[in-house]
C-alpha atoms as a PDB file:
ATOM      1  CA  MET A   1     -25.311 -25.949  -0.362  1.00  0.00           C
ATOM      2  CA  ALA A   2     -28.523 -23.977   0.003  1.00  0.00           C
ATOM      3  CA  LYS A   3     -30.794 -23.903  -3.027  1.00  0.00           C
ATOM      4  CA  SER A   4     -31.943 -20.288  -2.586  1.00  0.00           C
ATOM      5  CA  THR A   5     -29.438 -18.883  -5.107  1.00  0.00           C
ATOM      6  CA  GLN A   6     -31.163 -20.814  -7.907  1.00  0.00           C
ATOM      7  CA  LYS A   7     -34.453 -18.859  -7.753  1.00  0.00           C
ATOM      8  CA  TRP A   8     -32.898 -15.425  -8.241  1.00  0.00           C
ATOM      9  CA  PRO A   9     -32.668 -13.905 -11.728  1.00  0.00           C
ATOM     10  CA  GLY A  10     -29.370 -12.979 -13.293  1.00  0.00           C
ATOM     11  CA  PRO A  11     -25.911 -14.482 -13.124  1.00  0.00           C
ATOM     12  CA  GLU A  12     -24.498 -16.480 -10.258  1.00  0.00           C
ATOM     13  CA  TYR A  13     -21.248 -14.992  -9.036  1.00  0.00           C
ATOM     14  CA  HIS A  14     -18.391 -17.194  -7.840  1.00  0.00           C
ATOM     15  CA  VAL A  15     -14.996 -16.554  -6.278  1.00  0.00           C
ATOM     16  CA  GLN A  16     -12.456 -18.803  -4.586  1.00  0.00           C
ATOM     17  CA  THR A  17      -9.789 -17.978  -2.054  1.00  0.00           C
ATOM     18  CA  VAL A  18      -7.204 -20.249  -0.449  1.00  0.00           C
ATOM     19  CA  PHE A  19      -6.143 -19.609   3.140  1.00  0.00           C
ATOM     20  CA  ARG A  20      -2.929 -20.908   4.672  1.00  0.00           C
ATOM     21  CA  ALA A  21      -4.726 -22.067   7.814  1.00  0.00           C
ATOM     22  CA  PRO A  22      -6.745 -25.155   8.811  1.00  0.00           C
ATOM     23  CA  LEU A  23     -10.480 -25.358   8.162  1.00  0.00           C
ATOM     24  CA  ALA A  24     -11.628 -25.026  11.805  1.00  0.00           C
ATOM     25  CA  TYR A  25      -9.588 -21.838  12.233  1.00  0.00           C
ATOM     26  CA  VAL A  26     -10.843 -20.377   8.939  1.00  0.00           C
ATOM     27  CA  PHE A  27     -14.489 -21.130   9.771  1.00  0.00           C
ATOM     28  CA  SER A  28     -14.214 -19.521  13.196  1.00  0.00           C
ATOM     29  CA  TRP A  29     -12.303 -16.488  11.936  1.00  0.00           C
ATOM     30  CA  CYS A  30     -14.552 -15.824   8.920  1.00  0.00           C
ATOM     31  CA  THR A  31     -17.767 -16.103  10.909  1.00  0.00           C
ATOM     32  CA  ASP A  32     -16.899 -13.994  13.950  1.00  0.00           C
ATOM     33  CA  TYR A  33     -18.330 -10.866  12.210  1.00  0.00           C
ATOM     34  CA  ASP A  34     -16.227  -8.266  13.932  1.00  0.00           C
ATOM     35  CA  PRO A  35     -16.822  -4.500  13.577  1.00  0.00           C
ATOM     36  CA  ASP A  36     -13.161  -4.290  12.460  1.00  0.00           C
ATOM     37  CA  ASP A  37     -13.821  -6.414   9.327  1.00  0.00           C
ATOM     38  CA  ALA A  38     -13.887  -3.322   7.082  1.00  0.00           C
ATOM     39  CA  ARG A  39     -10.251  -2.594   7.927  1.00  0.00           C
ATOM     40  CA  ARG A  40      -9.345  -6.225   7.271  1.00  0.00           C
ATOM     41  CA  GLU A  41     -10.945  -6.029   3.812  1.00  0.00           C
ATOM     42  CA  ARG A  42      -9.424  -2.585   3.153  1.00  0.00           C
ATOM     43  CA  ASP A  43     -12.933  -1.255   2.719  1.00  0.00           C
ATOM     44  CA  HIS A  44     -14.870   1.614   4.313  1.00  0.00           C
ATOM     45  CA  TYR A  45     -18.080   0.787   6.142  1.00  0.00           C
ATOM     46  CA  ALA A  46     -19.376   0.751   9.689  1.00  0.00           C
ATOM     47  CA  ARG A  47     -20.594  -2.586  11.061  1.00  0.00           C
ATOM     48  CA  ARG A  48     -23.080  -3.022  13.892  1.00  0.00           C
ATOM     49  CA  ILE A  49     -23.736  -6.472  15.329  1.00  0.00           C
ATOM     50  CA  ILE A  50     -27.471  -6.718  16.045  1.00  0.00           C
ATOM     51  CA  ARG A  51     -27.717 -10.251  17.435  1.00  0.00           C
ATOM     52  CA  ARG A  52     -25.717 -13.426  17.989  1.00  0.00           C
ATOM     53  CA  ALA A  53     -27.781 -16.399  19.051  1.00  0.00           C
ATOM     54  CA  GLY A  54     -26.792 -20.021  18.580  1.00  0.00           C
ATOM     55  CA  ARG A  55     -25.946 -20.510  14.928  1.00  0.00           C
ATOM     56  CA  ARG A  56     -27.419 -17.214  13.749  1.00  0.00           C
ATOM     57  CA  VAL A  57     -25.793 -13.794  13.405  1.00  0.00           C
ATOM     58  CA  VAL A  58     -27.520 -10.579  12.335  1.00  0.00           C
ATOM     59  CA  PHE A  59     -25.522  -7.467  11.536  1.00  0.00           C
ATOM     60  CA  GLU A  60     -25.814  -4.239   9.560  1.00  0.00           C
ATOM     61  CA  ASP A  61     -23.269  -2.387   7.450  1.00  0.00           C
ATOM     62  CA  LEU A  62     -23.453   1.299   6.565  1.00  0.00           C
ATOM     63  CA  ALA A  63     -21.236   2.869   3.897  1.00  0.00           C
ATOM     64  CA  ASP A  64     -20.997   6.165   2.060  1.00  0.00           C
ATOM     65  CA  SER A  65     -21.556   5.136  -1.566  1.00  0.00           C
ATOM     66  CA  GLY A  66     -20.678   8.530  -3.034  1.00  0.00           C
ATOM     67  CA  GLY A  67     -24.295   9.153  -3.965  1.00  0.00           C
ATOM     68  CA  GLY A  68     -25.592   8.763  -0.408  1.00  0.00           C
ATOM     69  CA  TRP A  69     -25.578   6.152   2.298  1.00  0.00           C
ATOM     70  CA  SER A  70     -25.763   2.457   1.470  1.00  0.00           C
ATOM     71  CA  TRP A  71     -27.279   0.269   4.186  1.00  0.00           C
ATOM     72  CA  SER A  72     -27.458  -3.542   4.345  1.00  0.00           C
ATOM     73  CA  ARG A  73     -28.757  -6.026   6.930  1.00  0.00           C
ATOM     74  CA  PHE A  74     -27.270  -9.524   6.867  1.00  0.00           C
ATOM     75  CA  THR A  75     -28.779 -12.620   8.438  1.00  0.00           C
ATOM     76  CA  VAL A  76     -26.237 -15.437   8.606  1.00  0.00           C
ATOM     77  CA  SER A  77     -26.965 -19.109   9.318  1.00  0.00           C
ATOM     78  CA  LEU A  78     -23.833 -20.880  10.537  1.00  0.00           C
ATOM     79  CA  LEU A  79     -23.593 -24.503   9.425  1.00  0.00           C
ATOM     80  CA  PRO A  80     -20.401 -25.853  11.020  1.00  0.00           C
ATOM     81  CA  PRO A  81     -17.956 -27.191  10.370  1.00  0.00           C
ATOM     82  CA  ASP A  82     -17.594 -26.044   6.786  1.00  0.00           C
ATOM     83  CA  HIS A  83     -20.290 -23.716   5.469  1.00  0.00           C
ATOM     84  CA  TRP A  84     -22.614 -20.828   6.156  1.00  0.00           C
ATOM     85  CA  HIS A  85     -25.467 -19.117   4.332  1.00  0.00           C
ATOM     86  CA  CYS A  86     -26.396 -15.435   4.276  1.00  0.00           C
ATOM     87  CA  GLU A  87     -29.446 -13.477   3.173  1.00  0.00           C
ATOM     88  CA  SER A  88     -29.096  -9.711   2.909  1.00  0.00           C
ATOM     89  CA  VAL A  89     -31.511  -6.877   2.244  1.00  0.00           C
ATOM     90  CA  GLY A  90     -30.301  -3.375   1.614  1.00  0.00           C
ATOM     91  CA  SER A  91     -30.936   0.076   0.293  1.00  0.00           C
ATOM     92  CA  HIS A  92     -29.066  -0.601  -2.977  1.00  0.00           C
ATOM     93  CA  ARG A  93     -29.087  -4.393  -3.408  1.00  0.00           C
ATOM     94  CA  ASP A  94     -30.297  -7.677  -1.958  1.00  0.00           C
ATOM     95  CA  LEU A  95     -28.030 -10.724  -1.804  1.00  0.00           C
ATOM     96  CA  THR A  96     -28.163 -14.435  -1.170  1.00  0.00           C
ATOM     97  CA  LEU A  97     -24.760 -15.996  -0.481  1.00  0.00           C
ATOM     98  CA  ASP A  98     -23.378 -19.470   0.178  1.00  0.00           C
ATOM     99  CA  TYR A  99     -19.901 -20.030   1.625  1.00  0.00           C
ATOM    100  CA  HIS A 100     -18.271 -23.468   1.576  1.00  0.00           C
ATOM    101  CA  LEU A 101     -14.870 -24.471   2.964  1.00  0.00           C
ATOM    102  CA  THR A 102     -12.797 -27.416   1.725  1.00  0.00           C
ATOM    103  CA  PRO A 103      -9.675 -28.670   3.516  1.00  0.00           C
ATOM    104  CA  LEU A 104      -6.541 -28.817   1.373  1.00  0.00           C
ATOM    105  CA  PRO A 105      -3.190 -30.493   2.029  1.00  0.00           C
ATOM    106  CA  GLY A 106      -0.683 -28.619   4.146  1.00  0.00           C
ATOM    107  CA  ASP A 107      -3.144 -27.027   6.601  1.00  0.00           C
ATOM    108  CA  ARG A 108      -4.721 -24.936   3.847  1.00  0.00           C
ATOM    109  CA  THR A 109      -8.411 -24.286   3.254  1.00  0.00           C
ATOM    110  CA  ARG A 110     -10.278 -23.234   0.107  1.00  0.00           C
ATOM    111  CA  LEU A 111     -13.301 -20.958   0.348  1.00  0.00           C
ATOM    112  CA  ASP A 112     -15.880 -21.158  -2.441  1.00  0.00           C
ATOM    113  CA  LEU A 113     -18.300 -18.248  -2.358  1.00  0.00           C
ATOM    114  CA  ARG A 114     -21.334 -18.268  -4.637  1.00  0.00           C
ATOM    115  CA  TRP A 115     -23.987 -15.593  -4.620  1.00  0.00           C
ATOM    116  CA  LYS A 116     -26.707 -13.806  -6.486  1.00  0.00           C
ATOM    117  CA  ARG A 117     -27.646 -10.170  -6.232  1.00  0.00           C
ATOM    118  CA  ARG A 118     -30.452  -7.941  -7.357  1.00  0.00           C
ATOM    119  CA  ARG A 119     -30.592  -4.180  -7.367  1.00  0.00           C
ATOM    120  CA  THR A 120     -33.221  -2.323  -5.408  1.00  0.00           C
ATOM    121  CA  ALA A 121     -34.881   0.916  -6.528  1.00  0.00           C
ATOM    122  CA  LEU A 122     -31.898   2.908  -5.207  1.00  0.00           C
ATOM    123  CA  GLY A 123     -29.364   0.607  -6.849  1.00  0.00           C
ATOM    124  CA  GLU A 124     -26.952   2.174  -9.291  1.00  0.00           C
ATOM    125  CA  GLY A 125     -26.262   1.066 -12.871  1.00  0.00           C
ATOM    126  CA  ARG A 126     -25.628  -2.550 -13.631  1.00  0.00           C
ATOM    127  CA  LEU A 127     -22.081  -3.753 -12.944  1.00  0.00           C
ATOM    128  CA  SER A 128     -20.577  -6.505 -15.061  1.00  0.00           C
ATOM    129  CA  LYS A 129     -20.154  -9.943 -13.548  1.00  0.00           C
ATOM    130  CA  ARG A 130     -16.405  -9.635 -14.036  1.00  0.00           C
ATOM    131  CA  THR A 131     -16.280  -6.301 -12.165  1.00  0.00           C
ATOM    132  CA  VAL A 132     -18.246  -7.661  -9.216  1.00  0.00           C
ATOM    133  CA  GLU A 133     -16.152 -10.836  -9.005  1.00  0.00           C
ATOM    134  CA  ARG A 134     -12.873  -8.907  -9.258  1.00  0.00           C
ATOM    135  CA  ALA A 135     -13.852  -6.527  -6.457  1.00  0.00           C
ATOM    136  CA  THR A 136     -15.004  -9.412  -4.273  1.00  0.00           C
ATOM    137  CA  THR A 137     -11.814 -11.377  -4.941  1.00  0.00           C
ATOM    138  CA  ALA A 138      -9.704  -8.351  -3.967  1.00  0.00           C
ATOM    139  CA  GLY A 139     -11.593  -7.985  -0.678  1.00  0.00           C
ATOM    140  CA  TRP A 140     -11.168 -11.669   0.136  1.00  0.00           C
ATOM    141  CA  ARG A 141      -7.434 -11.524  -0.670  1.00  0.00           C
ATOM    142  CA  HIS A 142      -7.014  -8.718   1.864  1.00  0.00           C
ATOM    143  CA  PHE A 143      -9.129 -10.659   4.338  1.00  0.00           C
ATOM    144  CA  ALA A 144      -6.988 -13.799   3.737  1.00  0.00           C
ATOM    145  CA  HIS A 145      -3.814 -11.835   4.412  1.00  0.00           C
ATOM    146  CA  GLU A 146      -5.193 -10.689   7.785  1.00  0.00           C
ATOM    147  CA  LEU A 147      -6.492 -14.167   8.649  1.00  0.00           C
ATOM    148  CA  GLU A 148      -3.109 -15.732   7.905  1.00  0.00           C
ATOM    149  CA  LYS A 149      -1.304 -13.120  10.027  1.00  0.00           C
ATOM    150  CA  ASP A 150      -3.646 -13.876  12.926  1.00  0.00           C
ATOM    151  CA  TYR A 151      -3.190 -17.622  12.451  1.00  0.00           C
ATOM    152  CA  ARG A 152       0.610 -17.286  12.562  1.00  0.00           C
ATOM    153  CA  ARG A 153       0.320 -15.154  15.721  1.00  0.00           C
ATOM    154  CA  SER A 154      -2.013 -17.713  17.324  1.00  0.00           C
ATOM    155  CA  ARG A 155       0.593 -20.425  16.772  1.00  0.00           C
ATOM    156  CA  THR A 156       3.190 -18.344  18.594  1.00  0.00           C
ATOM    157  CA  GLY A 157       0.785 -17.526  21.437  1.00  0.00           C
ATOM    158  CA  ARG A 158      -0.030 -13.898  20.561  1.00  0.00           C
ATOM    159  CA  GLY A 159      -3.564 -14.522  19.151  1.00  0.00           C
ATOM    160  CA  ARG A 160      -6.013 -12.079  17.483  1.00  0.00           C
END
């Protein structure tokens, strides 16, 4: 796991999600960075893919935060077969994130996501660690539901 999260101030956030799909499928699905990801997370943002080259993906998300637009640029380093690292700068917060997949019995895969965040000058009031982790867990549960539907379809030949 990358060491970059250790040099940031504040708490380290952590969530886990289990997918009913094998590791290779989960890695590929989670790192395809599709503009339709907002729908899969049941969130509202627009995603623009800037660049895909080798094991690096750069994309931007734009969302209406209620108090104006929130913009973020993500630079992702893919580290197959089981992890990836992301650095993000944005109008309201900067992030450093590490994703790690672990195979589980029965063609299941656990995702461990650890990250740190810091507000920028436009960032709103401080959110509790529990609030941030709950919101992130909810997004990943929606994402897992969509991933598992696509996996079941792929096994019957209907794919994503």
